[in-house]
Amino acid sequence: MAVLTELLGSIAGALTTAAFVPQVVHTVKTRSARDFSFLWLVSFLTGLMCWLIYGILIWSWPIIVSNLVTQAFVMVILAIKLGTFKRKKPAQSP
């Protein structure tokens, strides 16, 4: 039963993390996170950190890995939101 539980957790973690990939790709391509609320990003990141701590406390690899990866995704979007990665200006014609 423990193997089935870990498998289910791994599938859930992989799917929910993978669902976030298109948002990250779009945000990185456009270098714009205008559509993301700063409050949402911070609260989501805080929730992910809580899930990570919980996963560590119960020593659940699916929870630990999926939350670490998703945190990295959210931090990229947050960095873009904060202007760390500026949109490149188009080259001017002579």
N, C-alpha and C. Protein backbone atom coordinates (compact mmCIF):
# COMPACT_ATOMS: atom_id res chain seq x y z
N MET A 1 0.82 -1.20 0.00
CA MET A 1 0.00 0.00 0.00
C MET A 1 0.86 1.27 0.00
N ALA A 2 2.02 1.24 0.68
CA ALA A 2 2.89 2.41 0.74
C ALA A 2 3.43 2.75 -0.65
N VAL A 3 3.72 1.72 -1.46
CA VAL A 3 4.23 1.95 -2.81
C VAL A 3 3.15 2.63 -3.65
N LEU A 4 1.92 2.19 -3.53
CA LEU A 4 0.81 2.79 -4.27
C LEU A 4 0.60 4.25 -3.83
N THR A 5 0.72 4.51 -2.56
CA THR A 5 0.57 5.87 -2.03
C THR A 5 1.64 6.78 -2.60
N GLU A 6 2.90 6.31 -2.60
CA GLU A 6 4.00 7.11 -3.15
C GLU A 6 3.85 7.32 -4.65
N LEU A 7 3.37 6.29 -5.36
CA LEU A 7 3.14 6.40 -6.80
C LEU A 7 2.07 7.44 -7.08
N LEU A 8 0.98 7.39 -6.35
CA LEU A 8 -0.10 8.36 -6.53
C LEU A 8 0.39 9.77 -6.23
N GLY A 9 1.17 9.93 -5.16
CA GLY A 9 1.74 11.23 -4.82
C GLY A 9 2.69 11.73 -5.90
N SER A 10 3.46 10.82 -6.47
CA SER A 10 4.40 11.19 -7.55
C SER A 10 3.65 11.64 -8.79
N ILE A 11 2.60 10.93 -9.15
CA ILE A 11 1.80 11.31 -10.31
C ILE A 11 1.14 12.66 -10.08
N ALA A 12 0.57 12.86 -8.91
CA ALA A 12 -0.09 14.14 -8.58
C ALA A 12 0.92 15.29 -8.62
N GLY A 13 2.07 15.09 -8.02
CA GLY A 13 3.10 16.13 -8.01
C GLY A 13 3.59 16.46 -9.40
N ALA A 14 3.80 15.42 -10.21
CA ALA A 14 4.29 15.63 -11.58
C ALA A 14 3.26 16.39 -12.41
N LEU A 15 1.99 16.01 -12.29
CA LEU A 15 0.95 16.67 -13.08
C LEU A 15 0.74 18.12 -12.67
N THR A 16 0.68 18.38 -11.37
CA THR A 16 0.44 19.76 -10.93
C THR A 16 1.65 20.65 -11.21
N THR A 17 2.84 20.09 -11.13
CA THR A 17 4.05 20.86 -11.46
C THR A 17 4.12 21.11 -12.96
N ALA A 18 3.84 20.08 -13.75
CA ALA A 18 3.88 20.22 -15.22
C ALA A 18 2.83 21.21 -15.71
N ALA A 19 1.72 21.30 -15.02
CA ALA A 19 0.67 22.23 -15.42
C ALA A 19 1.13 23.68 -15.31
N PHE A 20 2.16 23.92 -14.53
CA PHE A 20 2.67 25.27 -14.33
C PHE A 20 3.68 25.66 -15.42
N VAL A 21 4.23 24.68 -16.12
CA VAL A 21 5.28 24.92 -17.12
C VAL A 21 4.85 25.91 -18.21
N PRO A 22 3.66 25.78 -18.81
CA PRO A 22 3.29 26.74 -19.86
C PRO A 22 3.28 28.19 -19.38
N GLN A 23 2.89 28.41 -18.14
CA GLN A 23 2.88 29.78 -17.59
C GLN A 23 4.31 30.32 -17.48
N VAL A 24 5.21 29.47 -17.02
CA VAL A 24 6.61 29.90 -16.87
C VAL A 24 7.23 30.17 -18.24
N VAL A 25 7.00 29.28 -19.19
CA VAL A 25 7.56 29.44 -20.53
C VAL A 25 7.05 30.74 -21.15
N HIS A 26 5.75 30.99 -21.07
CA HIS A 26 5.18 32.21 -21.63
C HIS A 26 5.76 33.46 -20.96
N THR A 27 5.88 33.41 -19.65
CA THR A 27 6.39 34.56 -18.90
C THR A 27 7.85 34.83 -19.26
N VAL A 28 8.64 33.78 -19.38
CA VAL A 28 10.05 33.96 -19.74
C VAL A 28 10.18 34.48 -21.17
N LYS A 29 9.38 33.93 -22.09
CA LYS A 29 9.44 34.37 -23.49
C LYS A 29 9.09 35.84 -23.63
N THR A 30 8.03 36.26 -22.97
CA THR A 30 7.56 37.64 -23.09
C THR A 30 8.27 38.59 -22.13
N ARG A 31 8.96 38.03 -21.14
CA ARG A 31 9.61 38.83 -20.09
C ARG A 31 8.62 39.75 -19.41
N SER A 32 7.38 39.27 -19.31
CA SER A 32 6.34 40.06 -18.67
C SER A 32 5.52 39.18 -17.74
N ALA A 33 5.33 39.65 -16.53
CA ALA A 33 4.49 38.94 -15.55
C ALA A 33 3.34 39.83 -15.12
N ARG A 34 2.92 40.71 -16.03
CA ARG A 34 1.84 41.66 -15.73
C ARG A 34 0.56 40.97 -15.28
N ASP A 35 0.29 39.81 -15.86
CA ASP A 35 -0.96 39.11 -15.55
C ASP A 35 -0.96 38.42 -14.19
N PHE A 36 0.17 38.38 -13.53
CA PHE A 36 0.26 37.75 -12.22
C PHE A 36 0.17 38.81 -11.12
N SER A 37 -0.66 38.55 -10.15
CA SER A 37 -0.77 39.42 -9.00
C SER A 37 0.43 39.17 -8.08
N PHE A 38 1.06 40.25 -7.62
CA PHE A 38 2.18 40.11 -6.69
C PHE A 38 1.73 39.38 -5.43
N LEU A 39 0.56 39.73 -4.92
CA LEU A 39 0.04 39.08 -3.71
C LEU A 39 -0.18 37.58 -3.95
N TRP A 40 -0.68 37.21 -5.12
CA TRP A 40 -0.88 35.80 -5.44
C TRP A 40 0.46 35.07 -5.48
N LEU A 41 1.45 35.66 -6.14
CA LEU A 41 2.76 35.02 -6.23
C LEU A 41 3.37 34.79 -4.85
N VAL A 42 3.30 35.80 -3.99
CA VAL A 42 3.87 35.68 -2.65
C VAL A 42 3.09 34.66 -1.81
N SER A 43 1.78 34.69 -1.87
CA SER A 43 1.00 33.74 -1.07
C SER A 43 1.18 32.31 -1.61
N PHE A 44 1.26 32.15 -2.93
CA PHE A 44 1.47 30.83 -3.51
C PHE A 44 2.84 30.30 -3.12
N LEU A 45 3.86 31.15 -3.19
CA LEU A 45 5.21 30.75 -2.80
C LEU A 45 5.27 30.37 -1.33
N THR A 46 4.57 31.11 -0.48
CA THR A 46 4.52 30.80 0.95
C THR A 46 3.85 29.45 1.18
N GLY A 47 2.75 29.19 0.46
CA GLY A 47 2.08 27.91 0.57
C GLY A 47 2.98 26.77 0.12
N LEU A 48 3.72 26.98 -0.97
CA LEU A 48 4.66 25.96 -1.44
C LEU A 48 5.75 25.68 -0.42
N MET A 49 6.21 26.73 0.24
CA MET A 49 7.23 26.54 1.29
C MET A 49 6.68 25.73 2.45
N CYS A 50 5.44 26.00 2.81
CA CYS A 50 4.81 25.23 3.88
C CYS A 50 4.66 23.75 3.48
N TRP A 51 4.25 23.50 2.23
CA TRP A 51 4.15 22.13 1.74
C TRP A 51 5.52 21.46 1.73
N LEU A 52 6.56 22.21 1.37
CA LEU A 52 7.91 21.65 1.37
C LEU A 52 8.33 21.25 2.78
N ILE A 53 8.10 22.11 3.74
CA ILE A 53 8.44 21.80 5.13
C ILE A 53 7.65 20.58 5.60
N TYR A 54 6.38 20.54 5.27
CA TYR A 54 5.54 19.40 5.63
C TYR A 54 6.10 18.12 4.99
N GLY A 55 6.46 18.19 3.71
CA GLY A 55 7.02 17.03 3.03
C GLY A 55 8.30 16.55 3.67
N ILE A 56 9.13 17.48 4.11
CA ILE A 56 10.38 17.12 4.79
C ILE A 56 10.07 16.46 6.13
N LEU A 57 9.12 17.02 6.86
CA LEU A 57 8.78 16.47 8.18
C LEU A 57 8.23 15.05 8.10
N ILE A 58 7.47 14.76 7.05
CA ILE A 58 6.94 13.39 6.92
C ILE A 58 7.79 12.55 5.96
N TRP A 59 8.84 13.15 5.44
CA TRP A 59 9.81 12.51 4.55
C TRP A 59 9.12 11.89 3.34
N SER A 60 8.38 12.75 2.61
CA SER A 60 7.66 12.32 1.42
C SER A 60 8.32 12.93 0.18
N TRP A 61 9.03 12.09 -0.58
CA TRP A 61 9.74 12.57 -1.76
C TRP A 61 8.83 13.22 -2.79
N PRO A 62 7.64 12.67 -3.07
CA PRO A 62 6.79 13.36 -4.05
C PRO A 62 6.44 14.79 -3.65
N ILE A 63 6.18 15.01 -2.38
CA ILE A 63 5.84 16.35 -1.91
C ILE A 63 7.08 17.25 -1.95
N ILE A 64 8.21 16.72 -1.53
CA ILE A 64 9.44 17.51 -1.49
C ILE A 64 9.85 17.94 -2.90
N VAL A 65 9.95 16.99 -3.81
CA VAL A 65 10.45 17.29 -5.16
C VAL A 65 9.49 18.20 -5.92
N SER A 66 8.20 17.88 -5.91
CA SER A 66 7.26 18.69 -6.68
C SER A 66 7.19 20.12 -6.17
N ASN A 67 7.29 20.30 -4.87
CA ASN A 67 7.24 21.66 -4.33
C ASN A 67 8.53 22.43 -4.55
N LEU A 68 9.66 21.75 -4.55
CA LEU A 68 10.92 22.42 -4.88
C LEU A 68 10.91 22.92 -6.32
N VAL A 69 10.47 22.08 -7.24
CA VAL A 69 10.44 22.46 -8.65
C VAL A 69 9.45 23.60 -8.88
N THR A 70 8.26 23.48 -8.30
CA THR A 70 7.25 24.53 -8.48
C THR A 70 7.71 25.83 -7.85
N GLN A 71 8.41 25.76 -6.72
CA GLN A 71 8.96 26.98 -6.11
C GLN A 71 9.93 27.67 -7.05
N ALA A 72 10.76 26.89 -7.71
CA ALA A 72 11.71 27.47 -8.67
C ALA A 72 10.96 28.19 -9.79
N PHE A 73 9.89 27.57 -10.29
CA PHE A 73 9.07 28.19 -11.33
C PHE A 73 8.49 29.52 -10.84
N VAL A 74 7.93 29.51 -9.66
CA VAL A 74 7.30 30.72 -9.12
C VAL A 74 8.35 31.81 -8.88
N MET A 75 9.54 31.43 -8.44
CA MET A 75 10.59 32.42 -8.21
C MET A 75 11.04 33.07 -9.51
N VAL A 76 11.05 32.32 -10.61
CA VAL A 76 11.38 32.90 -11.91
C VAL A 76 10.33 33.94 -12.29
N ILE A 77 9.08 33.59 -12.14
CA ILE A 77 8.00 34.53 -12.47
C ILE A 77 8.05 35.74 -11.54
N LEU A 78 8.31 35.52 -10.27
CA LEU A 78 8.41 36.63 -9.31
C LEU A 78 9.58 37.54 -9.66
N ALA A 79 10.70 36.98 -10.06
CA ALA A 79 11.85 37.79 -10.46
C ALA A 79 11.51 38.65 -11.67
N ILE A 80 10.79 38.08 -12.62
CA ILE A 80 10.36 38.85 -13.79
C ILE A 80 9.37 39.94 -13.37
N LYS A 81 8.46 39.58 -12.47
CA LYS A 81 7.48 40.55 -11.96
C LYS A 81 8.18 41.73 -11.28
N LEU A 82 9.23 41.45 -10.55
CA LEU A 82 9.95 42.50 -9.83
C LEU A 82 10.91 43.27 -10.72
N GLY A 83 11.01 42.86 -11.98
CA GLY A 83 11.84 43.60 -12.92
C GLY A 83 13.28 43.17 -12.95
N THR A 84 13.59 42.04 -12.36
CA THR A 84 14.96 41.55 -12.37
C THR A 84 15.39 41.25 -13.80
N PHE A 85 14.48 40.71 -14.59
CA PHE A 85 14.76 40.43 -16.00
C PHE A 85 13.93 41.40 -16.83
N LYS A 86 14.57 42.41 -17.34
CA LYS A 86 13.88 43.43 -18.13
C LYS A 86 13.63 42.93 -19.54
N ARG A 87 12.53 43.39 -20.11
CA ARG A 87 12.23 43.08 -21.50
C ARG A 87 13.25 43.79 -22.38
N LYS A 88 13.79 43.06 -23.33
CA LYS A 88 14.78 43.67 -24.24
C LYS A 88 14.08 44.64 -25.18
N LYS A 89 14.72 45.79 -25.40
CA LYS A 89 14.16 46.77 -26.31
C LYS A 89 14.49 46.34 -27.75
N PRO A 90 13.54 46.53 -28.65
CA PRO A 90 13.81 46.17 -30.04
C PRO A 90 14.91 47.06 -30.62
N ALA A 91 15.68 46.49 -31.54
CA ALA A 91 16.74 47.25 -32.17
C ALA A 91 16.14 48.35 -33.04
N GLN A 92 16.77 49.51 -33.00
CA GLN A 92 16.27 50.63 -33.79
C GLN A 92 16.84 50.57 -35.19
N SER A 93 16.00 50.91 -36.17
CA SER A 93 16.44 50.93 -37.56
C SER A 93 17.22 52.22 -37.82
N PRO A 94 18.26 52.15 -38.67
CA PRO A 94 19.03 53.39 -38.97
C PRO A 94 18.26 54.32 -39.86
